[in-house]
Amino acid sequence: SPSQAVDVPKLILESFLGLLGSISQVILPMLSMGLYTEER
């Protein structure tokens, strides 16, 4: 079969950023939780 061109670097970037977004969404509430609670 004829080889199909695949943009591997772009595919890596999209997949990695998707996972990075998931990790961030776990960490972000931990960063924001003390913004005002500590003041109280």
PDB file of all heavy atoms in Angstrom:
ATOM      1  N   SER A   1       0.841  -1.199   0.000  1.00  0.00           N
ATOM      2  CA  SER A   1       0.000   0.000   0.000  1.00  0.00           C
ATOM      3  C   SER A   1       0.877   1.251   0.000  1.00  0.00           C
ATOM      4  O   SER A   1       1.982   1.244   0.558  1.00  0.00           O
ATOM      5  CB  SER A   1      -0.916   0.021   1.233  1.00  0.00           C
ATOM      6  OG  SER A   1      -1.698  -1.159   1.275  1.00  0.00           O
ATOM      7  N   PRO A   2       0.413   2.321  -0.607  1.00  0.00           N
ATOM      8  CA  PRO A   2       1.194   3.559  -0.589  1.00  0.00           C
ATOM      9  C   PRO A   2       1.267   4.126   0.822  1.00  0.00           C
ATOM     10  O   PRO A   2       0.281   4.110   1.569  1.00  0.00           O
ATOM     11  CB  PRO A   2       0.401   4.496  -1.512  1.00  0.00           C
ATOM     12  CG  PRO A   2      -0.990   3.939  -1.524  1.00  0.00           C
ATOM     13  CD  PRO A   2      -0.838   2.458  -1.377  1.00  0.00           C
ATOM     14  N   SER A   3       2.435   4.595   1.196  1.00  0.00           N
ATOM     15  CA  SER A   3       2.641   5.148   2.533  1.00  0.00           C
ATOM     16  C   SER A   3       1.888   6.460   2.683  1.00  0.00           C
ATOM     17  O   SER A   3       1.891   7.300   1.785  1.00  0.00           O
ATOM     18  CB  SER A   3       4.137   5.375   2.798  1.00  0.00           C
ATOM     19  OG  SER A   3       4.839   4.151   2.743  1.00  0.00           O
ATOM     20  N   GLN A   4       1.237   6.617   3.818  1.00  0.00           N
ATOM     21  CA  GLN A   4       0.503   7.845   4.112  1.00  0.00           C
ATOM     22  C   GLN A   4       1.349   8.734   5.018  1.00  0.00           C
ATOM     23  O   GLN A   4       1.897   8.276   6.024  1.00  0.00           O
ATOM     24  CB  GLN A   4      -0.828   7.525   4.795  1.00  0.00           C
ATOM     25  CG  GLN A   4      -1.781   6.719   3.913  1.00  0.00           C
ATOM     26  CD  GLN A   4      -3.086   6.415   4.636  1.00  0.00           C
ATOM     27  OE1 GLN A   4      -3.240   6.691   5.808  1.00  0.00           O
ATOM     28  NE2 GLN A   4      -4.025   5.839   3.895  1.00  0.00           N
ATOM     29  N   ALA A   5       1.453   9.992   4.626  1.00  0.00           N
ATOM     30  CA  ALA A   5       2.253  10.934   5.405  1.00  0.00           C
ATOM     31  C   ALA A   5       1.556  11.239   6.730  1.00  0.00           C
ATOM     32  O   ALA A   5       0.351  11.492   6.760  1.00  0.00           O
ATOM     33  CB  ALA A   5       2.462  12.226   4.620  1.00  0.00           C
ATOM     34  N   VAL A   6       2.311  11.187   7.818  1.00  0.00           N
ATOM     35  CA  VAL A   6       1.793  11.468   9.147  1.00  0.00           C
ATOM     36  C   VAL A   6       2.680  12.534   9.784  1.00  0.00           C
ATOM     37  O   VAL A   6       3.906  12.388   9.820  1.00  0.00           O
ATOM     38  CB  VAL A   6       1.785  10.209  10.030  1.00  0.00           C
ATOM     39  CG1 VAL A   6       1.272  10.550  11.424  1.00  0.00           C
ATOM     40  CG2 VAL A   6       0.929   9.119   9.403  1.00  0.00           C
ATOM     41  N   ASP A   7       2.065  13.603  10.245  1.00  0.00           N
ATOM     42  CA  ASP A   7       2.809  14.675  10.924  1.00  0.00           C
ATOM     43  C   ASP A   7       3.028  14.243  12.370  1.00  0.00           C
ATOM     44  O   ASP A   7       2.253  14.591  13.264  1.00  0.00           O
ATOM     45  CB  ASP A   7       2.031  15.986  10.850  1.00  0.00           C
ATOM     46  CG  ASP A   7       2.891  17.186  11.245  1.00  0.00           C
ATOM     47  OD1 ASP A   7       3.934  16.980  11.889  1.00  0.00           O
ATOM     48  OD2 ASP A   7       2.512  18.329  10.914  1.00  0.00           O
ATOM     49  N   VAL A   8       4.100  13.466  12.590  1.00  0.00           N
ATOM     50  CA  VAL A   8       4.351  12.894  13.908  1.00  0.00           C
ATOM     51  C   VAL A   8       4.571  13.954  14.985  1.00  0.00           C
ATOM     52  O   VAL A   8       3.981  13.870  16.071  1.00  0.00           O
ATOM     53  CB  VAL A   8       5.549  11.920  13.849  1.00  0.00           C
ATOM     54  CG1 VAL A   8       5.905  11.419  15.243  1.00  0.00           C
ATOM     55  CG2 VAL A   8       5.234  10.747  12.933  1.00  0.00           C
ATOM     56  N   PRO A   9       5.411  14.993  14.751  1.00  0.00           N
ATOM     57  CA  PRO A   9       5.610  16.009  15.802  1.00  0.00           C
ATOM     58  C   PRO A   9       4.306  16.689  16.219  1.00  0.00           C
ATOM     59  O   PRO A   9       4.076  16.922  17.412  1.00  0.00           O
ATOM     60  CB  PRO A   9       6.578  17.009  15.152  1.00  0.00           C
ATOM     61  CG  PRO A   9       7.296  16.220  14.119  1.00  0.00           C
ATOM     62  CD  PRO A   9       6.290  15.247  13.599  1.00  0.00           C
ATOM     63  N   LYS A  10       3.450  17.005  15.253  1.00  0.00           N
ATOM     64  CA  LYS A  10       2.175  17.654  15.595  1.00  0.00           C
ATOM     65  C   LYS A  10       1.288  16.716  16.381  1.00  0.00           C
ATOM     66  O   LYS A  10       0.613  17.132  17.336  1.00  0.00           O
ATOM     67  CB  LYS A  10       1.463  18.120  14.324  1.00  0.00           C
ATOM     68  CG  LYS A  10       0.180  18.892  14.600  1.00  0.00           C
ATOM     69  CD  LYS A  10      -0.489  19.360  13.309  1.00  0.00           C
ATOM     70  CE  LYS A  10      -1.769  20.119  13.612  1.00  0.00           C
ATOM     71  NZ  LYS A  10      -2.469  20.552  12.376  1.00  0.00           N
ATOM     72  N   LEU A  11       1.283  15.444  15.998  1.00  0.00           N
ATOM     73  CA  LEU A  11       0.475  14.454  16.713  1.00  0.00           C
ATOM     74  C   LEU A  11       0.974  14.292  18.146  1.00  0.00           C
ATOM     75  O   LEU A  11       0.171  14.183  19.088  1.00  0.00           O
ATOM     76  CB  LEU A  11       0.541  13.115  15.975  1.00  0.00           C
ATOM     77  CG  LEU A  11      -0.458  12.037  16.386  1.00  0.00           C
ATOM     78  CD1 LEU A  11      -1.884  12.545  16.240  1.00  0.00           C
ATOM     79  CD2 LEU A  11      -0.248  10.777  15.557  1.00  0.00           C
ATOM     80  N   ILE A  12       2.294  14.305  18.326  1.00  0.00           N
ATOM     81  CA  ILE A  12       2.873  14.211  19.668  1.00  0.00           C
ATOM     82  C   ILE A  12       2.465  15.418  20.504  1.00  0.00           C
ATOM     83  O   ILE A  12       2.065  15.289  21.669  1.00  0.00           O
ATOM     84  CB  ILE A  12       4.411  14.097  19.591  1.00  0.00           C
ATOM     85  CG1 ILE A  12       4.819  12.745  18.998  1.00  0.00           C
ATOM     86  CG2 ILE A  12       5.043  14.286  20.966  1.00  0.00           C
ATOM     87  CD1 ILE A  12       6.306  12.619  18.742  1.00  0.00           C
ATOM     88  N   LEU A  13       2.555  16.599  19.907  1.00  0.00           N
ATOM     89  CA  LEU A  13       2.228  17.826  20.636  1.00  0.00           C
ATOM     90  C   LEU A  13       0.766  17.835  21.073  1.00  0.00           C
ATOM     91  O   LEU A  13       0.456  18.145  22.227  1.00  0.00           O
ATOM     92  CB  LEU A  13       2.530  19.049  19.771  1.00  0.00           C
ATOM     93  CG  LEU A  13       2.224  20.405  20.406  1.00  0.00           C
ATOM     94  CD1 LEU A  13       3.151  20.653  21.589  1.00  0.00           C
ATOM     95  CD2 LEU A  13       2.349  21.530  19.387  1.00  0.00           C
ATOM     96  N   GLU A  14      -0.148  17.503  20.155  1.00  0.00           N
ATOM     97  CA  GLU A  14      -1.566  17.517  20.486  1.00  0.00           C
ATOM     98  C   GLU A  14      -1.888  16.518  21.597  1.00  0.00           C
ATOM     99  O   GLU A  14      -2.642  16.829  22.531  1.00  0.00           O
ATOM    100  CB  GLU A  14      -2.398  17.199  19.243  1.00  0.00           C
ATOM    101  CG  GLU A  14      -2.377  18.293  18.185  1.00  0.00           C
ATOM    102  CD  GLU A  14      -3.189  17.922  16.959  1.00  0.00           C
ATOM    103  OE1 GLU A  14      -3.881  16.881  17.010  1.00  0.00           O
ATOM    104  OE2 GLU A  14      -3.142  18.662  15.963  1.00  0.00           O
ATOM    105  N   SER A  15      -1.317  15.316  21.502  1.00  0.00           N
ATOM    106  CA  SER A  15      -1.584  14.292  22.518  1.00  0.00           C
ATOM    107  C   SER A  15      -1.004  14.698  23.871  1.00  0.00           C
ATOM    108  O   SER A  15      -1.655  14.543  24.916  1.00  0.00           O
ATOM    109  CB  SER A  15      -0.988  12.954  22.077  1.00  0.00           C
ATOM    110  OG  SER A  15      -1.531  12.535  20.847  1.00  0.00           O
ATOM    111  N   PHE A  16       0.216  15.245  23.851  1.00  0.00           N
ATOM    112  CA  PHE A  16       0.860  15.634  25.105  1.00  0.00           C
ATOM    113  C   PHE A  16       0.119  16.788  25.774  1.00  0.00           C
ATOM    114  O   PHE A  16      -0.107  16.774  26.991  1.00  0.00           O
ATOM    115  CB  PHE A  16       2.313  16.018  24.847  1.00  0.00           C
ATOM    116  CG  PHE A  16       3.026  16.540  26.069  1.00  0.00           C
ATOM    117  CD1 PHE A  16       3.204  15.731  27.175  1.00  0.00           C
ATOM    118  CD2 PHE A  16       3.513  17.837  26.115  1.00  0.00           C
ATOM    119  CE1 PHE A  16       3.846  16.203  28.308  1.00  0.00           C
ATOM    120  CE2 PHE A  16       4.166  18.316  27.228  1.00  0.00           C
ATOM    121  CZ  PHE A  16       4.328  17.499  28.339  1.00  0.00           C
ATOM    122  N   LEU A  17      -0.283  17.780  24.993  1.00  0.00           N
ATOM    123  CA  LEU A  17      -0.997  18.920  25.573  1.00  0.00           C
ATOM    124  C   LEU A  17      -2.353  18.495  26.127  1.00  0.00           C
ATOM    125  O   LEU A  17      -2.825  19.043  27.129  1.00  0.00           O
ATOM    126  CB  LEU A  17      -1.169  20.027  24.532  1.00  0.00           C
ATOM    127  CG  LEU A  17       0.101  20.802  24.163  1.00  0.00           C
ATOM    128  CD1 LEU A  17      -0.183  21.806  23.051  1.00  0.00           C
ATOM    129  CD2 LEU A  17       0.683  21.509  25.380  1.00  0.00           C
ATOM    130  N   GLY A  18      -2.995  17.527  25.475  1.00  0.00           N
ATOM    131  CA  GLY A  18      -4.247  17.007  26.002  1.00  0.00           C
ATOM    132  C   GLY A  18      -4.060  16.373  27.375  1.00  0.00           C
ATOM    133  O   GLY A  18      -4.839  16.615  28.298  1.00  0.00           O
ATOM    134  N   LEU A  19      -2.997  15.563  27.513  1.00  0.00           N
ATOM    135  CA  LEU A  19      -2.697  14.959  28.813  1.00  0.00           C
ATOM    136  C   LEU A  19      -2.276  16.019  29.824  1.00  0.00           C
ATOM    137  O   LEU A  19      -2.644  15.952  31.003  1.00  0.00           O
ATOM    138  CB  LEU A  19      -1.588  13.914  28.656  1.00  0.00           C
ATOM    139  CG  LEU A  19      -1.987  12.619  27.951  1.00  0.00           C
ATOM    140  CD1 LEU A  19      -0.766  11.760  27.679  1.00  0.00           C
ATOM    141  CD2 LEU A  19      -2.996  11.849  28.788  1.00  0.00           C
ATOM    142  N   LEU A  20      -1.518  17.002  29.357  1.00  0.00           N
ATOM    143  CA  LEU A  20      -1.064  18.078  30.240  1.00  0.00           C
ATOM    144  C   LEU A  20      -2.263  18.878  30.765  1.00  0.00           C
ATOM    145  O   LEU A  20      -2.285  19.303  31.925  1.00  0.00           O
ATOM    146  CB  LEU A  20      -0.111  18.996  29.481  1.00  0.00           C
ATOM    147  CG  LEU A  20       0.849  19.855  30.310  1.00  0.00           C
ATOM    148  CD1 LEU A  20       1.697  18.983  31.220  1.00  0.00           C
ATOM    149  CD2 LEU A  20       1.738  20.679  29.387  1.00  0.00           C
ATOM    150  N   GLY A  21      -3.259  19.062  29.903  1.00  0.00           N
ATOM    151  CA  GLY A  21      -4.476  19.734  30.348  1.00  0.00           C
ATOM    152  C   GLY A  21      -5.187  18.943  31.430  1.00  0.00           C
ATOM    153  O   GLY A  21      -5.700  19.515  32.394  1.00  0.00           O
ATOM    154  N   SER A  22      -5.209  17.622  31.291  1.00  0.00           N
ATOM    155  CA  SER A  22      -5.856  16.776  32.303  1.00  0.00           C
ATOM    156  C   SER A  22      -5.114  16.837  33.634  1.00  0.00           C
ATOM    157  O   SER A  22      -5.736  16.928  34.699  1.00  0.00           O
ATOM    158  CB  SER A  22      -5.921  15.331  31.804  1.00  0.00           C
ATOM    159  OG  SER A  22      -6.677  15.241  30.607  1.00  0.00           O
ATOM    160  N   ILE A  23      -3.772  16.782  33.575  1.00  0.00           N
ATOM    161  CA  ILE A  23      -2.977  16.887  34.808  1.00  0.00           C
ATOM    162  C   ILE A  23      -3.196  18.240  35.467  1.00  0.00           C
ATOM    163  O   ILE A  23      -3.356  18.346  36.686  1.00  0.00           O
ATOM    164  CB  ILE A  23      -1.474  16.687  34.500  1.00  0.00           C
ATOM    165  CG1 ILE A  23      -1.224  15.305  33.914  1.00  0.00           C
ATOM    166  CG2 ILE A  23      -0.639  16.871  35.762  1.00  0.00           C
ATOM    167  CD1 ILE A  23       0.193  15.106  33.421  1.00  0.00           C
ATOM    168  N   SER A  24      -3.225  19.281  34.651  1.00  0.00           N
ATOM    169  CA  SER A  24      -3.392  20.638  35.179  1.00  0.00           C
ATOM    170  C   SER A  24      -4.731  20.803  35.871  1.00  0.00           C
ATOM    171  O   SER A  24      -4.836  21.488  36.897  1.00  0.00           O
ATOM    172  CB  SER A  24      -3.260  21.657  34.049  1.00  0.00           C
ATOM    173  OG  SER A  24      -1.962  21.629  33.478  1.00  0.00           O
ATOM    174  N   GLN A  25      -5.754  20.169  35.330  1.00  0.00           N
ATOM    175  CA  GLN A  25      -7.076  20.326  35.920  1.00  0.00           C
ATOM    176  C   GLN A  25      -7.196  19.626  37.268  1.00  0.00           C
ATOM    177  O   GLN A  25      -8.130  19.891  38.024  1.00  0.00           O
ATOM    178  CB  GLN A  25      -8.136  19.808  34.951  1.00  0.00           C
ATOM    179  CG  GLN A  25      -8.296  20.715  33.734  1.00  0.00           C
ATOM    180  CD  GLN A  25      -9.243  20.150  32.709  1.00  0.00           C
ATOM    181  OE1 GLN A  25     -10.389  19.858  33.012  1.00  0.00           O
ATOM    182  NE2 GLN A  25      -8.783  19.994  31.490  1.00  0.00           N
ATOM    183  N   VAL A  26      -6.248  18.749  37.575  1.00  0.00           N
ATOM    184  CA  VAL A  26      -6.189  18.164  38.919  1.00  0.00           C
ATOM    185  C   VAL A  26      -5.435  19.096  39.860  1.00  0.00           C
ATOM    186  O   VAL A  26      -5.791  19.250  41.036  1.00  0.00           O
ATOM    187  CB  VAL A  26      -5.510  16.778  38.873  1.00  0.00           C
ATOM    188  CG1 VAL A  26      -5.319  16.225  40.282  1.00  0.00           C
ATOM    189  CG2 VAL A  26      -6.321  15.814  38.026  1.00  0.00           C
ATOM    190  N   ILE A  27      -4.405  19.754  39.346  1.00  0.00           N
ATOM    191  CA  ILE A  27      -3.533  20.587  40.178  1.00  0.00           C
ATOM    192  C   ILE A  27      -4.111  21.981  40.404  1.00  0.00           C
ATOM    193  O   ILE A  27      -3.944  22.564  41.487  1.00  0.00           O
ATOM    194  CB  ILE A  27      -2.137  20.665  39.527  1.00  0.00           C
ATOM    195  CG1 ILE A  27      -1.443  19.309  39.645  1.00  0.00           C
ATOM    196  CG2 ILE A  27      -1.282  21.751  40.168  1.00  0.00           C
ATOM    197  CD1 ILE A  27      -0.094  19.244  38.995  1.00  0.00           C
ATOM    198  N   LEU A  28      -4.803  22.534  39.420  1.00  0.00           N
ATOM    199  CA  LEU A  28      -5.275  23.917  39.515  1.00  0.00           C
ATOM    200  C   LEU A  28      -6.186  24.175  40.723  1.00  0.00           C
ATOM    201  O   LEU A  28      -6.037  25.206  41.392  1.00  0.00           O
ATOM    202  CB  LEU A  28      -5.968  24.325  38.214  1.00  0.00           C
ATOM    203  CG  LEU A  28      -5.027  24.485  37.004  1.00  0.00           C
ATOM    204  CD1 LEU A  28      -5.834  24.680  35.729  1.00  0.00           C
ATOM    205  CD2 LEU A  28      -4.066  25.650  37.219  1.00  0.00           C
ATOM    206  N   PRO A  29      -7.166  23.298  41.035  1.00  0.00           N
ATOM    207  CA  PRO A  29      -7.958  23.548  42.252  1.00  0.00           C
ATOM    208  C   PRO A  29      -7.111  23.570  43.521  1.00  0.00           C
ATOM    209  O   PRO A  29      -7.458  24.268  44.485  1.00  0.00           O
ATOM    210  CB  PRO A  29      -8.950  22.378  42.268  1.00  0.00           C
ATOM    211  CG  PRO A  29      -9.072  21.964  40.836  1.00  0.00           C
ATOM    212  CD  PRO A  29      -7.697  22.156  40.277  1.00  0.00           C
ATOM    213  N   MET A  30      -6.001  22.831  43.543  1.00  0.00           N
ATOM    214  CA  MET A  30      -5.108  22.860  44.694  1.00  0.00           C
ATOM    215  C   MET A  30      -4.375  24.196  44.802  1.00  0.00           C
ATOM    216  O   MET A  30      -4.023  24.632  45.902  1.00  0.00           O
ATOM    217  CB  MET A  30      -4.090  21.717  44.597  1.00  0.00           C
ATOM    218  CG  MET A  30      -4.695  20.338  44.595  1.00  0.00           C
ATOM    219  SD  MET A  30      -3.432  19.048  44.491  1.00  0.00           S
ATOM    220  CE  MET A  30      -4.454  17.590  44.300  1.00  0.00           C
ATOM    221  N   LEU A  31      -4.133  24.825  43.650  1.00  0.00           N
ATOM    222  CA  LEU A  31      -3.479  26.128  43.667  1.00  0.00           C
ATOM    223  C   LEU A  31      -4.438  27.242  44.070  1.00  0.00           C
ATOM    224  O   LEU A  31      -4.041  28.209  44.729  1.00  0.00           O
ATOM    225  CB  LEU A  31      -2.886  26.439  42.284  1.00  0.00           C
ATOM    226  CG  LEU A  31      -1.758  25.543  41.797  1.00  0.00           C
ATOM    227  CD1 LEU A  31      -1.286  25.992  40.415  1.00  0.00           C
ATOM    228  CD2 LEU A  31      -0.589  25.554  42.771  1.00  0.00           C
ATOM    229  N   SER A  32      -5.700  27.112  43.677  1.00  0.00           N
ATOM    230  CA  SER A  32      -6.658  28.182  43.940  1.00  0.00           C
ATOM    231  C   SER A  32      -7.352  28.060  45.295  1.00  0.00           C
ATOM    232  O   SER A  32      -7.925  29.040  45.780  1.00  0.00           O
ATOM    233  CB  SER A  32      -7.721  28.224  42.831  1.00  0.00           C
ATOM    234  OG  SER A  32      -8.498  27.036  42.823  1.00  0.00           O
ATOM    235  N   MET A  33      -7.275  26.884  45.915  1.00  0.00           N
ATOM    236  CA  MET A  33      -8.084  26.659  47.110  1.00  0.00           C
ATOM    237  C   MET A  33      -7.676  27.549  48.281  1.00  0.00           C
ATOM    238  O   MET A  33      -8.484  27.850  49.159  1.00  0.00           O
ATOM    239  CB  MET A  33      -8.007  25.186  47.531  1.00  0.00           C
ATOM    240  CG  MET A  33      -6.636  24.741  47.991  1.00  0.00           C
ATOM    241  SD  MET A  33      -6.609  22.973  48.389  1.00  0.00           S
ATOM    242  CE  MET A  33      -4.903  22.783  48.952  1.00  0.00           C
ATOM    243  N   GLY A  34      -6.432  27.990  48.312  1.00  0.00           N
ATOM    244  CA  GLY A  34      -5.979  28.787  49.445  1.00  0.00           C
ATOM    245  C   GLY A  34      -5.918  30.277  49.192  1.00  0.00           C
ATOM    246  O   GLY A  34      -5.441  31.030  50.046  1.00  0.00           O
ATOM    247  N   LEU A  35      -6.415  30.734  48.037  1.00  0.00           N
ATOM    248  CA  LEU A  35      -6.285  32.139  47.684  1.00  0.00           C
ATOM    249  C   LEU A  35      -6.973  33.055  48.695  1.00  0.00           C
ATOM    250  O   LEU A  35      -6.449  34.118  49.046  1.00  0.00           O
ATOM    251  CB  LEU A  35      -6.849  32.384  46.279  1.00  0.00           C
ATOM    252  CG  LEU A  35      -5.979  31.881  45.131  1.00  0.00           C
ATOM    253  CD1 LEU A  35      -6.718  31.997  43.805  1.00  0.00           C
ATOM    254  CD2 LEU A  35      -4.672  32.651  45.072  1.00  0.00           C
ATOM    255  N   TYR A  36      -8.161  32.653  49.160  1.00  0.00           N
ATOM    256  CA  TYR A  36      -8.874  33.462  50.153  1.00  0.00           C
ATOM    257  C   TYR A  36      -9.133  32.713  51.454  1.00  0.00           C
ATOM    258  O   TYR A  36      -9.364  33.336  52.489  1.00  0.00           O
ATOM    259  CB  TYR A  36     -10.204  33.961  49.583  1.00  0.00           C
ATOM    260  CG  TYR A  36     -10.061  35.218  48.758  1.00  0.00           C
ATOM    261  CD1 TYR A  36      -9.905  35.151  47.386  1.00  0.00           C
ATOM    262  CD2 TYR A  36     -10.071  36.477  49.350  1.00  0.00           C
ATOM    263  CE1 TYR A  36      -9.772  36.297  46.617  1.00  0.00           C
ATOM    264  CE2 TYR A  36      -9.932  37.629  48.599  1.00  0.00           C
ATOM    265  CZ  TYR A  36      -9.787  37.541  47.230  1.00  0.00           C
ATOM    266  OH  TYR A  36      -9.647  38.677  46.479  1.00  0.00           O
ATOM    267  N   THR A  37      -9.112  31.385  51.419  1.00  0.00           N
ATOM    268  CA  THR A  37      -9.370  30.649  52.661  1.00  0.00           C
ATOM    269  C   THR A  37      -8.301  30.943  53.712  1.00  0.00           C
ATOM    270  O   THR A  37      -8.609  31.029  54.908  1.00  0.00           O
ATOM    271  CB  THR A  37      -9.397  29.127  52.385  1.00  0.00           C
ATOM    272  OG1 THR A  37      -8.189  28.732  51.731  1.00  0.00           O
ATOM    273  CG2 THR A  37     -10.583  28.757  51.520  1.00  0.00           C
ATOM    274  N   GLU A  38      -7.058  31.104  53.280  1.00  0.00           N
ATOM    275  CA  GLU A  38      -5.990  31.425  54.218  1.00  0.00           C
ATOM    276  C   GLU A  38      -6.199  32.804  54.835  1.00  0.00           C
ATOM    277  O   GLU A  38      -5.875  33.025  56.006  1.00  0.00           O
ATOM    278  CB  GLU A  38      -4.627  31.344  53.523  1.00  0.00           C
ATOM    279  CG  GLU A  38      -4.229  29.936  53.082  1.00  0.00           C
ATOM    280  CD  GLU A  38      -4.164  28.968  54.242  1.00  0.00           C
ATOM    281  OE1 GLU A  38      -3.705  29.375  55.338  1.00  0.00           O
ATOM    282  OE2 GLU A  38      -4.591  27.811  54.078  1.00  0.00           O
ATOM    283  N   GLU A  39      -6.724  33.737  54.042  1.00  0.00           N
ATOM    284  CA  GLU A  39      -7.014  35.073  54.568  1.00  0.00           C
ATOM    285  C   GLU A  39      -8.086  34.979  55.659  1.00  0.00           C
ATOM    286  O   GLU A  39      -8.013  35.668  56.687  1.00  0.00           O
ATOM    287  CB  GLU A  39      -7.497  35.997  53.445  1.00  0.00           C
ATOM    288  CG  GLU A  39      -6.542  36.162  52.286  1.00  0.00           C
ATOM    289  CD  GLU A  39      -5.377  37.078  52.596  1.00  0.00           C
ATOM    290  OE1 GLU A  39      -5.295  37.582  53.737  1.00  0.00           O
ATOM    291  OE2 GLU A  39      -4.541  37.287  51.708  1.00  0.00           O
ATOM    292  N   ARG A  40      -9.077  34.131  55.454  1.00  0.00           N
ATOM    293  CA  ARG A  40     -10.123  33.949  56.459  1.00  0.00           C
ATOM    294  C   ARG A  40      -9.556  33.323  57.731  1.00  0.00           C
ATOM    295  O   ARG A  40      -9.891  33.744  58.851  1.00  0.00           O
ATOM    296  CB  ARG A  40     -11.236  33.051  55.900  1.00  0.00           C
ATOM    297  CG  ARG A  40     -12.179  33.747  54.916  1.00  0.00           C
ATOM    298  CD  ARG A  40     -13.215  32.762  54.414  1.00  0.00           C
ATOM    299  NE  ARG A  40     -14.193  33.381  53.540  1.00  0.00           N
ATOM    300  CZ  ARG A  40     -15.349  33.908  53.944  1.00  0.00           C
ATOM    301  NH1 ARG A  40     -15.648  33.879  55.234  1.00  0.00           N
ATOM    302  NH2 ARG A  40     -16.192  34.461  53.093  1.00  0.00           N
TER     303      ARG A  40
END
